[in-house]
């Protein structure tokens, strides 16, 4: 019979704490609004706030329709990050 090493004991102990939960994190970035410029960080006018709210709501609704968390994933992945790269690029502009 082969004796277990301390490392194997440690690994066995850690795997006993395993969690079968898979968490899906959806990253939503504020979309860029048409005619937006460098003053966007200080523009709290009612119309600007309404435009931002509507853009964020539409972005969230699109993400919910796409439901990226319903795809197939590796069961060993504990946390899965969903990002819309196109929207991230637009938000960064």
PDB file of N, CA and C in Angstrom:
ATOM      1  N   UNK A   1       0.841  -1.174   0.000  1.00  0.00           N
ATOM      2  CA  UNK A   1       0.000   0.000   0.000  1.00  0.00           C
ATOM      3  C   UNK A   1       0.893   1.247   0.000  1.00  0.00           C
ATOM      4  N   UNK A   2       0.523   2.223  -0.825  1.00  0.00           N
ATOM      5  CA  UNK A   2       1.307   3.451  -0.933  1.00  0.00           C
ATOM      6  C   UNK A   2       0.759   4.471   0.067  1.00  0.00           C
ATOM      7  N   UNK A   3       1.670   5.046   0.845  1.00  0.00           N
ATOM      8  CA  UNK A   3       1.263   6.027   1.855  1.00  0.00           C
ATOM      9  C   UNK A   3       0.992   7.375   1.185  1.00  0.00           C
ATOM     10  N   UNK A   4       0.017   8.093   1.723  1.00  0.00           N
ATOM     11  CA  UNK A   4      -0.287   9.438   1.227  1.00  0.00           C
ATOM     12  C   UNK A   4       0.756  10.422   1.717  1.00  0.00           C
ATOM     13  N   UNK A   5       1.074  11.374   0.881  1.00  0.00           N
ATOM     14  CA  UNK A   5       2.004  12.428   1.291  1.00  0.00           C
ATOM     15  C   UNK A   5       1.211  13.530   1.979  1.00  0.00           C
ATOM     16  N   UNK A   6       1.879  14.378   2.753  1.00  0.00           N
ATOM     17  CA  UNK A   6       1.173  15.503   3.387  1.00  0.00           C
ATOM     18  C   UNK A   6       0.468  16.392   2.364  1.00  0.00           C
ATOM     19  N   UNK A   7       1.077  16.548   1.181  1.00  0.00           N
ATOM     20  CA  UNK A   7       0.459  17.368   0.139  1.00  0.00           C
ATOM     21  C   UNK A   7      -0.855  16.732  -0.325  1.00  0.00           C
ATOM     22  N   UNK A   8      -0.865  15.428  -0.518  1.00  0.00           N
ATOM     23  CA  UNK A   8      -2.089  14.749  -0.926  1.00  0.00           C
ATOM     24  C   UNK A   8      -3.175  14.885   0.138  1.00  0.00           C
ATOM     25  N   UNK A   9      -2.775  14.798   1.415  1.00  0.00           N
ATOM     26  CA  UNK A   9      -3.735  14.988   2.500  1.00  0.00           C
ATOM     27  C   UNK A   9      -4.335  16.394   2.450  1.00  0.00           C
ATOM     28  N   UNK A  10      -3.470  17.375   2.207  1.00  0.00           N
ATOM     29  CA  UNK A  10      -3.915  18.770   2.137  1.00  0.00           C
ATOM     30  C   UNK A  10      -4.893  18.958   0.980  1.00  0.00           C
ATOM     31  N   UNK A  11      -4.566  18.392  -0.179  1.00  0.00           N
ATOM     32  CA  UNK A  11      -5.435  18.515  -1.351  1.00  0.00           C
ATOM     33  C   UNK A  11      -6.773  17.835  -1.079  1.00  0.00           C
ATOM     34  N   UNK A  12      -6.745  16.680  -0.477  1.00  0.00           N
ATOM     35  CA  UNK A  12      -7.988  15.975  -0.144  1.00  0.00           C
ATOM     36  C   UNK A  12      -8.857  16.801   0.795  1.00  0.00           C
ATOM     37  N   UNK A  13      -8.214  17.423   1.769  1.00  0.00           N
ATOM     38  CA  UNK A  13      -8.956  18.257   2.717  1.00  0.00           C
ATOM     39  C   UNK A  13      -9.589  19.458   2.002  1.00  0.00           C
ATOM     40  N   UNK A  14      -8.824  20.093   1.132  1.00  0.00           N
ATOM     41  CA  UNK A  14      -9.350  21.256   0.413  1.00  0.00           C
ATOM     42  C   UNK A  14     -10.486  20.880  -0.524  1.00  0.00           C
ATOM     43  N   UNK A  15     -10.393  19.759  -1.192  1.00  0.00           N
ATOM     44  CA  UNK A  15     -11.469  19.362  -2.112  1.00  0.00           C
ATOM     45  C   UNK A  15     -12.749  19.015  -1.358  1.00  0.00           C
ATOM     46  N   UNK A  16     -12.626  18.653  -0.096  1.00  0.00           N
ATOM     47  CA  UNK A  16     -13.821  18.370   0.704  1.00  0.00           C
ATOM     48  C   UNK A  16     -14.658  19.632   0.919  1.00  0.00           C
ATOM     49  N   UNK A  17     -14.021  20.808   0.804  1.00  0.00           N
ATOM     50  CA  UNK A  17     -14.735  22.069   0.945  1.00  0.00           C
ATOM     51  C   UNK A  17     -15.379  22.511  -0.364  1.00  0.00           C
ATOM     52  N   UNK A  18     -15.237  21.724  -1.389  1.00  0.00           N
ATOM     53  CA  UNK A  18     -15.710  22.082  -2.725  1.00  0.00           C
ATOM     54  C   UNK A  18     -17.159  22.557  -2.727  1.00  0.00           C
ATOM     55  N   UNK A  19     -17.418  23.446  -3.622  1.00  0.00           N
ATOM     56  CA  UNK A  19     -18.754  24.021  -3.748  1.00  0.00           C
ATOM     57  C   UNK A  19     -19.209  23.825  -5.194  1.00  0.00           C
ATOM     58  N   UNK A  20     -20.335  23.164  -5.417  1.00  0.00           N
ATOM     59  CA  UNK A  20     -20.791  22.907  -6.785  1.00  0.00           C
ATOM     60  C   UNK A  20     -21.492  24.116  -7.431  1.00  0.00           C
ATOM     61  N   UNK A  21     -21.535  25.226  -6.733  1.00  0.00           N
ATOM     62  CA  UNK A  21     -22.230  26.402  -7.248  1.00  0.00           C
ATOM     63  C   UNK A  21     -21.444  27.048  -8.385  1.00  0.00           C
ATOM     64  N   UNK A  22     -22.163  27.443  -9.419  1.00  0.00           N
ATOM     65  CA  UNK A  22     -21.571  28.229 -10.501  1.00  0.00           C
ATOM     66  C   UNK A  22     -22.234  29.597 -10.441  1.00  0.00           C
ATOM     67  N   UNK A  23     -21.415  30.644 -10.323  1.00  0.00           N
ATOM     68  CA  UNK A  23     -21.944  32.000 -10.270  1.00  0.00           C
ATOM     69  C   UNK A  23     -21.700  32.685 -11.611  1.00  0.00           C
ATOM     70  N   UNK A  24     -22.728  33.324 -12.117  1.00  0.00           N
ATOM     71  CA  UNK A  24     -22.620  34.072 -13.360  1.00  0.00           C
ATOM     72  C   UNK A  24     -22.662  35.557 -13.020  1.00  0.00           C
ATOM     73  N   UNK A  25     -21.648  36.288 -13.459  1.00  0.00           N
ATOM     74  CA  UNK A  25     -21.573  37.722 -13.237  1.00  0.00           C
ATOM     75  C   UNK A  25     -21.698  38.397 -14.595  1.00  0.00           C
ATOM     76  N   UNK A  26     -22.662  39.299 -14.706  1.00  0.00           N
ATOM     77  CA  UNK A  26     -22.870  40.021 -15.953  1.00  0.00           C
ATOM     78  C   UNK A  26     -22.374  41.447 -15.748  1.00  0.00           C
ATOM     79  N   UNK A  27     -21.400  41.830 -16.538  1.00  0.00           N
ATOM     80  CA  UNK A  27     -20.831  43.175 -16.423  1.00  0.00           C
ATOM     81  C   UNK A  27     -21.578  44.113 -17.360  1.00  0.00           C
ATOM     82  N   UNK A  28     -22.241  45.082 -16.774  1.00  0.00           N
ATOM     83  CA  UNK A  28     -22.973  46.079 -17.550  1.00  0.00           C
ATOM     84  C   UNK A  28     -22.243  47.410 -17.455  1.00  0.00           C
ATOM     85  N   UNK A  29     -21.868  47.953 -18.589  1.00  0.00           N
ATOM     86  CA  UNK A  29     -21.220  49.251 -18.614  1.00  0.00           C
ATOM     87  C   UNK A  29     -22.189  50.285 -19.161  1.00  0.00           C
ATOM     88  N   UNK A  30     -22.070  51.484 -18.684  1.00  0.00           N
ATOM     89  CA  UNK A  30     -22.933  52.560 -19.183  1.00  0.00           C
ATOM     90  C   UNK A  30     -22.631  52.802 -20.660  1.00  0.00           C
ATOM     91  N   UNK A  31     -23.626  52.662 -21.509  1.00  0.00           N
ATOM     92  CA  UNK A  31     -23.387  52.901 -22.932  1.00  0.00           C
ATOM     93  C   UNK A  31     -23.177  54.384 -23.211  1.00  0.00           C
ATOM     94  N   UNK A  32     -22.434  54.646 -24.281  1.00  0.00           N
ATOM     95  CA  UNK A  32     -22.190  56.034 -24.658  1.00  0.00           C
ATOM     96  C   UNK A  32     -23.455  56.595 -25.291  1.00  0.00           C
ATOM     97  N   UNK A  33     -23.773  57.807 -24.933  1.00  0.00           N
ATOM     98  CA  UNK A  33     -24.957  58.483 -25.457  1.00  0.00           C
ATOM     99  C   UNK A  33     -24.514  59.405 -26.582  1.00  0.00           C
ATOM    100  N   UNK A  34     -25.350  59.504 -27.603  1.00  0.00           N
ATOM    101  CA  UNK A  34     -25.041  60.360 -28.738  1.00  0.00           C
ATOM    102  C   UNK A  34     -24.784  61.795 -28.271  1.00  0.00           C
ATOM    103  N   UNK A  35     -23.824  62.443 -28.880  1.00  0.00           N
ATOM    104  CA  UNK A  35     -23.425  63.822 -28.557  1.00  0.00           C
ATOM    105  C   UNK A  35     -22.832  63.969 -27.162  1.00  0.00           C
ATOM    106  N   UNK A  36     -22.376  62.880 -26.578  1.00  0.00           N
ATOM    107  CA  UNK A  36     -21.779  62.935 -25.245  1.00  0.00           C
ATOM    108  C   UNK A  36     -20.340  63.448 -25.363  1.00  0.00           C
ATOM    109  N   UNK A  37     -19.910  64.281 -24.430  1.00  0.00           N
ATOM    110  CA  UNK A  37     -18.554  64.819 -24.481  1.00  0.00           C
ATOM    111  C   UNK A  37     -17.907  64.763 -23.097  1.00  0.00           C
ATOM    112  N   UNK A  38     -16.831  65.481 -22.921  1.00  0.00           N
ATOM    113  CA  UNK A  38     -16.066  65.435 -21.676  1.00  0.00           C
ATOM    114  C   UNK A  38     -16.827  65.984 -20.464  1.00  0.00           C
ATOM    115  N   UNK A  39     -17.948  66.656 -20.667  1.00  0.00           N
ATOM    116  CA  UNK A  39     -18.706  67.200 -19.535  1.00  0.00           C
ATOM    117  C   UNK A  39     -19.685  66.188 -18.954  1.00  0.00           C
ATOM    118  N   UNK A  40     -19.714  64.976 -19.489  1.00  0.00           N
ATOM    119  CA  UNK A  40     -20.701  63.995 -19.047  1.00  0.00           C
ATOM    120  C   UNK A  40     -20.617  63.695 -17.549  1.00  0.00           C
ATOM    121  N   UNK A  41     -19.432  63.817 -16.964  1.00  0.00           N
ATOM    122  CA  UNK A  41     -19.262  63.513 -15.542  1.00  0.00           C
ATOM    123  C   UNK A  41     -19.842  64.587 -14.627  1.00  0.00           C
ATOM    124  N   UNK A  42     -20.140  65.740 -15.184  1.00  0.00           N
ATOM    125  CA  UNK A  42     -20.676  66.823 -14.359  1.00  0.00           C
ATOM    126  C   UNK A  42     -22.061  67.273 -14.826  1.00  0.00           C
ATOM    127  N   UNK A  43     -22.608  66.600 -15.815  1.00  0.00           N
ATOM    128  CA  UNK A  43     -23.917  66.977 -16.350  1.00  0.00           C
ATOM    129  C   UNK A  43     -25.007  66.184 -15.638  1.00  0.00           C
ATOM    130  N   UNK A  44     -25.660  66.825 -14.686  1.00  0.00           N
ATOM    131  CA  UNK A  44     -26.739  66.178 -13.940  1.00  0.00           C
ATOM    132  C   UNK A  44     -28.091  66.798 -14.267  1.00  0.00           C
ATOM    133  N   UNK A  45     -28.217  67.305 -15.459  1.00  0.00           N
ATOM    134  CA  UNK A  45     -29.501  67.898 -15.854  1.00  0.00           C
ATOM    135  C   UNK A  45     -30.537  66.785 -15.957  1.00  0.00           C
ATOM    136  N   UNK A  46     -31.805  67.115 -15.751  1.00  0.00           N
ATOM    137  CA  UNK A  46     -32.852  66.095 -15.825  1.00  0.00           C
ATOM    138  C   UNK A  46     -32.860  65.349 -17.170  1.00  0.00           C
ATOM    139  N   UNK A  47     -32.642  66.062 -18.265  1.00  0.00           N
ATOM    140  CA  UNK A  47     -32.669  65.390 -19.571  1.00  0.00           C
ATOM    141  C   UNK A  47     -31.489  64.431 -19.725  1.00  0.00           C
ATOM    142  N   UNK A  48     -30.313  64.829 -19.231  1.00  0.00           N
ATOM    143  CA  UNK A  48     -29.138  63.967 -19.310  1.00  0.00           C
ATOM    144  C   UNK A  48     -29.326  62.713 -18.454  1.00  0.00           C
ATOM    145  N   UNK A  49     -29.848  62.899 -17.256  1.00  0.00           N
ATOM    146  CA  UNK A  49     -30.095  61.753 -16.381  1.00  0.00           C
ATOM    147  C   UNK A  49     -31.110  60.802 -16.998  1.00  0.00           C
ATOM    148  N   UNK A  50     -32.150  61.358 -17.610  1.00  0.00           N
ATOM    149  CA  UNK A  50     -33.179  60.527 -18.255  1.00  0.00           C
ATOM    150  C   UNK A  50     -32.579  59.739 -19.418  1.00  0.00           C
ATOM    151  N   UNK A  51     -31.731  60.383 -20.229  1.00  0.00           N
ATOM    152  CA  UNK A  51     -31.087  59.695 -21.356  1.00  0.00           C
ATOM    153  C   UNK A  51     -30.198  58.557 -20.866  1.00  0.00           C
ATOM    154  N   UNK A  52     -29.438  58.829 -19.822  1.00  0.00           N
ATOM    155  CA  UNK A  52     -28.555  57.787 -19.272  1.00  0.00           C
ATOM    156  C   UNK A  52     -29.368  56.632 -18.706  1.00  0.00           C
ATOM    157  N   UNK A  53     -30.432  56.940 -18.007  1.00  0.00           N
ATOM    158  CA  UNK A  53     -31.280  55.898 -17.432  1.00  0.00           C
ATOM    159  C   UNK A  53     -31.865  55.042 -18.546  1.00  0.00           C
ATOM    160  N   UNK A  54     -32.393  55.672 -19.586  1.00  0.00           N
ATOM    161  CA  UNK A  54     -32.993  54.926 -20.693  1.00  0.00           C
ATOM    162  C   UNK A  54     -31.962  54.073 -21.429  1.00  0.00           C
ATOM    163  N   UNK A  55     -30.761  54.603 -21.636  1.00  0.00           N
ATOM    164  CA  UNK A  55     -29.702  53.839 -22.305  1.00  0.00           C
ATOM    165  C   UNK A  55     -29.297  52.630 -21.460  1.00  0.00           C
ATOM    166  N   UNK A  56     -29.154  52.822 -20.164  1.00  0.00           N
ATOM    167  CA  UNK A  56     -28.804  51.717 -19.272  1.00  0.00           C
ATOM    168  C   UNK A  56     -29.907  50.671 -19.199  1.00  0.00           C
ATOM    169  N   UNK A  57     -31.138  51.126 -19.182  1.00  0.00           N
ATOM    170  CA  UNK A  57     -32.282  50.201 -19.145  1.00  0.00           C
ATOM    171  C   UNK A  57     -32.323  49.362 -20.415  1.00  0.00           C
ATOM    172  N   UNK A  58     -32.133  50.005 -21.582  1.00  0.00           N
ATOM    173  CA  UNK A  58     -32.145  49.288 -22.860  1.00  0.00           C
ATOM    174  C   UNK A  58     -30.996  48.279 -22.913  1.00  0.00           C
ATOM    175  N   UNK A  59     -29.830  48.668 -22.427  1.00  0.00           N
ATOM    176  CA  UNK A  59     -28.671  47.774 -22.402  1.00  0.00           C
ATOM    177  C   UNK A  59     -28.954  46.552 -21.515  1.00  0.00           C
ATOM    178  N   UNK A  60     -29.541  46.781 -20.370  1.00  0.00           N
ATOM    179  CA  UNK A  60     -29.874  45.685 -19.459  1.00  0.00           C
ATOM    180  C   UNK A  60     -30.921  44.767 -20.077  1.00  0.00           C
ATOM    181  N   UNK A  61     -31.934  45.338 -20.714  1.00  0.00           N
ATOM    182  CA  UNK A  61     -32.980  44.532 -21.358  1.00  0.00           C
ATOM    183  C   UNK A  61     -32.383  43.652 -22.453  1.00  0.00           C
ATOM    184  N   UNK A  62     -31.457  44.202 -23.257  1.00  0.00           N
ATOM    185  CA  UNK A  62     -30.798  43.401 -24.305  1.00  0.00           C
ATOM    186  C   UNK A  62     -30.034  42.240 -23.694  1.00  0.00           C
ATOM    187  N   UNK A  63     -29.332  42.514 -22.614  1.00  0.00           N
ATOM    188  CA  UNK A  63     -28.554  41.461 -21.953  1.00  0.00           C
ATOM    189  C   UNK A  63     -29.469  40.373 -21.411  1.00  0.00           C
ATOM    190  N   UNK A  64     -30.586  40.760 -20.822  1.00  0.00           N
ATOM    191  CA  UNK A  64     -31.530  39.768 -20.303  1.00  0.00           C
ATOM    192  C   UNK A  64     -32.123  38.925 -21.427  1.00  0.00           C
ATOM    193  N   UNK A  65     -32.375  39.536 -22.576  1.00  0.00           N
ATOM    194  CA  UNK A  65     -32.887  38.788 -23.734  1.00  0.00           C
ATOM    195  C   UNK A  65     -31.851  37.780 -24.223  1.00  0.00           C
ATOM    196  N   UNK A  66     -30.586  38.174 -24.231  1.00  0.00           N
ATOM    197  CA  UNK A  66     -29.525  37.278 -24.699  1.00  0.00           C
ATOM    198  C   UNK A  66     -29.298  36.118 -23.735  1.00  0.00           C
ATOM    199  N   UNK A  67     -29.539  36.340 -22.463  1.00  0.00           N
ATOM    200  CA  UNK A  67     -29.386  35.325 -21.408  1.00  0.00           C
ATOM    201  C   UNK A  67     -28.101  34.506 -21.569  1.00  0.00           C
ATOM    202  N   UNK A  68     -26.932  35.165 -21.521  1.00  0.00           N
ATOM    203  CA  UNK A  68     -25.683  34.431 -21.745  1.00  0.00           C
ATOM    204  C   UNK A  68     -25.421  33.326 -20.731  1.00  0.00           C
ATOM    205  N   UNK A  69     -26.034  33.381 -19.584  1.00  0.00           N
ATOM    206  CA  UNK A  69     -25.828  32.391 -18.532  1.00  0.00           C
ATOM    207  C   UNK A  69     -26.508  31.065 -18.850  1.00  0.00           C
ATOM    208  N   UNK A  70     -27.334  31.024 -19.901  1.00  0.00           N
ATOM    209  CA  UNK A  70     -28.018  29.776 -20.256  1.00  0.00           C
ATOM    210  C   UNK A  70     -27.208  28.913 -21.213  1.00  0.00           C
ATOM    211  N   UNK A  71     -26.028  29.344 -21.597  1.00  0.00           N
ATOM    212  CA  UNK A  71     -25.166  28.553 -22.482  1.00  0.00           C
ATOM    213  C   UNK A  71     -24.522  27.418 -21.698  1.00  0.00           C
ATOM    214  N   UNK A  72     -23.791  26.564 -22.415  1.00  0.00           N
ATOM    215  CA  UNK A  72     -23.071  25.468 -21.773  1.00  0.00           C
ATOM    216  C   UNK A  72     -21.738  25.973 -21.237  1.00  0.00           C
ATOM    217  N   UNK A  73     -21.399  25.553 -20.024  1.00  0.00           N
ATOM    218  CA  UNK A  73     -20.151  25.962 -19.397  1.00  0.00           C
ATOM    219  C   UNK A  73     -19.501  24.776 -18.717  1.00  0.00           C
ATOM    220  N   UNK A  74     -18.219  24.898 -18.526  1.00  0.00           N
ATOM    221  CA  UNK A  74     -17.459  23.869 -17.824  1.00  0.00           C
ATOM    222  C   UNK A  74     -17.948  23.818 -16.375  1.00  0.00           C
ATOM    223  N   UNK A  75     -18.393  22.668 -15.915  1.00  0.00           N
ATOM    224  CA  UNK A  75     -18.916  22.579 -14.534  1.00  0.00           C
ATOM    225  C   UNK A  75     -17.865  22.850 -13.463  1.00  0.00           C
ATOM    226  N   UNK A  76     -16.592  22.861 -13.837  1.00  0.00           N
ATOM    227  CA  UNK A  76     -15.538  23.148 -12.866  1.00  0.00           C
ATOM    228  C   UNK A  76     -15.299  24.639 -12.697  1.00  0.00           C
ATOM    229  N   UNK A  77     -15.877  25.447 -13.567  1.00  0.00           N
ATOM    230  CA  UNK A  77     -15.738  26.899 -13.447  1.00  0.00           C
ATOM    231  C   UNK A  77     -16.633  27.370 -12.310  1.00  0.00           C
ATOM    232  N   UNK A  78     -16.084  28.095 -11.384  1.00  0.00           N
ATOM    233  CA  UNK A  78     -16.874  28.567 -10.251  1.00  0.00           C
ATOM    234  C   UNK A  78     -17.550  29.894 -10.510  1.00  0.00           C
ATOM    235  N   UNK A  79     -16.847  30.785 -11.217  1.00  0.00           N
ATOM    236  CA  UNK A  79     -17.391  32.108 -11.521  1.00  0.00           C
ATOM    237  C   UNK A  79     -17.206  32.350 -13.011  1.00  0.00           C
ATOM    238  N   UNK A  80     -18.291  32.723 -13.675  1.00  0.00           N
ATOM    239  CA  UNK A  80     -18.241  32.978 -15.113  1.00  0.00           C
ATOM    240  C   UNK A  80     -18.622  34.434 -15.341  1.00  0.00           C
ATOM    241  N   UNK A  81     -17.724  35.161 -15.973  1.00  0.00           N
ATOM    242  CA  UNK A  81     -17.941  36.582 -16.235  1.00  0.00           C
ATOM    243  C   UNK A  81     -18.442  36.753 -17.664  1.00  0.00           C
ATOM    244  N   UNK A  82     -19.599  37.400 -17.805  1.00  0.00           N
ATOM    245  CA  UNK A  82     -20.177  37.683 -19.117  1.00  0.00           C
ATOM    246  C   UNK A  82     -19.984  39.165 -19.409  1.00  0.00           C
ATOM    247  N   UNK A  83     -19.353  39.447 -20.548  1.00  0.00           N
ATOM    248  CA  UNK A  83     -19.112  40.823 -20.952  1.00  0.00           C
ATOM    249  C   UNK A  83     -19.475  40.968 -22.422  1.00  0.00           C
ATOM    250  N   UNK A  84     -20.047  42.102 -22.764  1.00  0.00           N
ATOM    251  CA  UNK A  84     -20.312  42.392 -24.160  1.00  0.00           C
ATOM    252  C   UNK A  84     -19.177  43.282 -24.639  1.00  0.00           C
ATOM    253  N   UNK A  85     -18.239  42.701 -25.364  1.00  0.00           N
ATOM    254  CA  UNK A  85     -17.027  43.411 -25.761  1.00  0.00           C
ATOM    255  C   UNK A  85     -17.354  44.613 -26.637  1.00  0.00           C
ATOM    256  N   UNK A  86     -18.321  44.487 -27.545  1.00  0.00           N
ATOM    257  CA  UNK A  86     -18.678  45.604 -28.424  1.00  0.00           C
ATOM    258  C   UNK A  86     -19.173  46.781 -27.601  1.00  0.00           C
ATOM    259  N   UNK A  87     -20.056  46.515 -26.642  1.00  0.00           N
ATOM    260  CA  UNK A  87     -20.581  47.591 -25.804  1.00  0.00           C
ATOM    261  C   UNK A  87     -19.486  48.165 -24.917  1.00  0.00           C
ATOM    262  N   UNK A  88     -18.526  47.335 -24.488  1.00  0.00           N
ATOM    263  CA  UNK A  88     -17.437  47.852 -23.673  1.00  0.00           C
ATOM    264  C   UNK A  88     -16.590  48.814 -24.488  1.00  0.00           C
ATOM    265  N   UNK A  89     -16.344  48.500 -25.741  1.00  0.00           N
ATOM    266  CA  UNK A  89     -15.545  49.373 -26.588  1.00  0.00           C
ATOM    267  C   UNK A  89     -16.261  50.707 -26.806  1.00  0.00           C
ATOM    268  N   UNK A  90     -17.584  50.650 -27.010  1.00  0.00           N
ATOM    269  CA  UNK A  90     -18.338  51.876 -27.203  1.00  0.00           C
ATOM    270  C   UNK A  90     -18.360  52.718 -25.935  1.00  0.00           C
ATOM    271  N   UNK A  91     -18.467  52.073 -24.794  1.00  0.00           N
ATOM    272  CA  UNK A  91     -18.517  52.794 -23.528  1.00  0.00           C
ATOM    273  C   UNK A  91     -17.178  53.450 -23.218  1.00  0.00           C
ATOM    274  N   UNK A  92     -16.095  52.879 -23.706  1.00  0.00           N
ATOM    275  CA  UNK A  92     -14.770  53.421 -23.420  1.00  0.00           C
ATOM    276  C   UNK A  92     -14.440  54.642 -24.273  1.00  0.00           C
ATOM    277  N   UNK A  93     -15.179  54.840 -25.349  1.00  0.00           N
ATOM    278  CA  UNK A  93     -14.869  55.961 -26.243  1.00  0.00           C
ATOM    279  C   UNK A  93     -15.183  57.311 -25.619  1.00  0.00           C
TER     280      UNK A  93
END
